[in-house]
Amino acid sequence: MGNVYKAKDRETGEIVALKMLKPEIASDEAMVARFKNELLFARRITHKNVCRVYEFNRVDGVAYTSMEFVEGESLRSVLNRFGCLPLRKGIGIALQICSGLKEAHAQGIVHRDLKPENVMIDSHGGRENHGLWHNALHGSHHEVDRHDDRPRPPTWLLSR
């Protein structure tokens, strides 16, 4: 959907992550509505294993979301570098992901884009996940979503 950048909030001095939407997405009102909806769902989740989302903005035609900055690297980057993880490390990361997802599911929210690119590994070994959130109880953005919006099993869990 776009690129993520490390930035400094001029008002608070905090370091944040800015997820910039691609121009073709930012100009599509249906996609922007979907993105805003996902932000509202993500804001409802308060858990140490889920990245906090702050706000959605548009400035001069550029649409972006500000969120908690996680110092670290994506699980994809780690997997690309090492191939596979030691069993205990992999289980530890999986348990943290599941803990965050459990909180989301308790609120009727499903993460629909769980993949290594959306899991950040911080200095504690795997803490944050973010991406597409969907309200499973109300299905509130089916009308602005892709044709097949069913959650899929993460293929990276099935490989190896």
Foldseek 3Di string as FASTA:
>chain_A
DADKDWDADPVPRDIWIKGKDDLVQLVDPLSVVQVVVQLVLLCVQDDQQAKHWDDWDADPSIIITITHDAPAAFQVVVCVVPVDDPPVLVVVQVVQVVVSQVRSVVQQKHAQDDERRQWGQHPVRTGYGDDGIARNVPRPSPVSDDPDRDRDDYVVVVDD
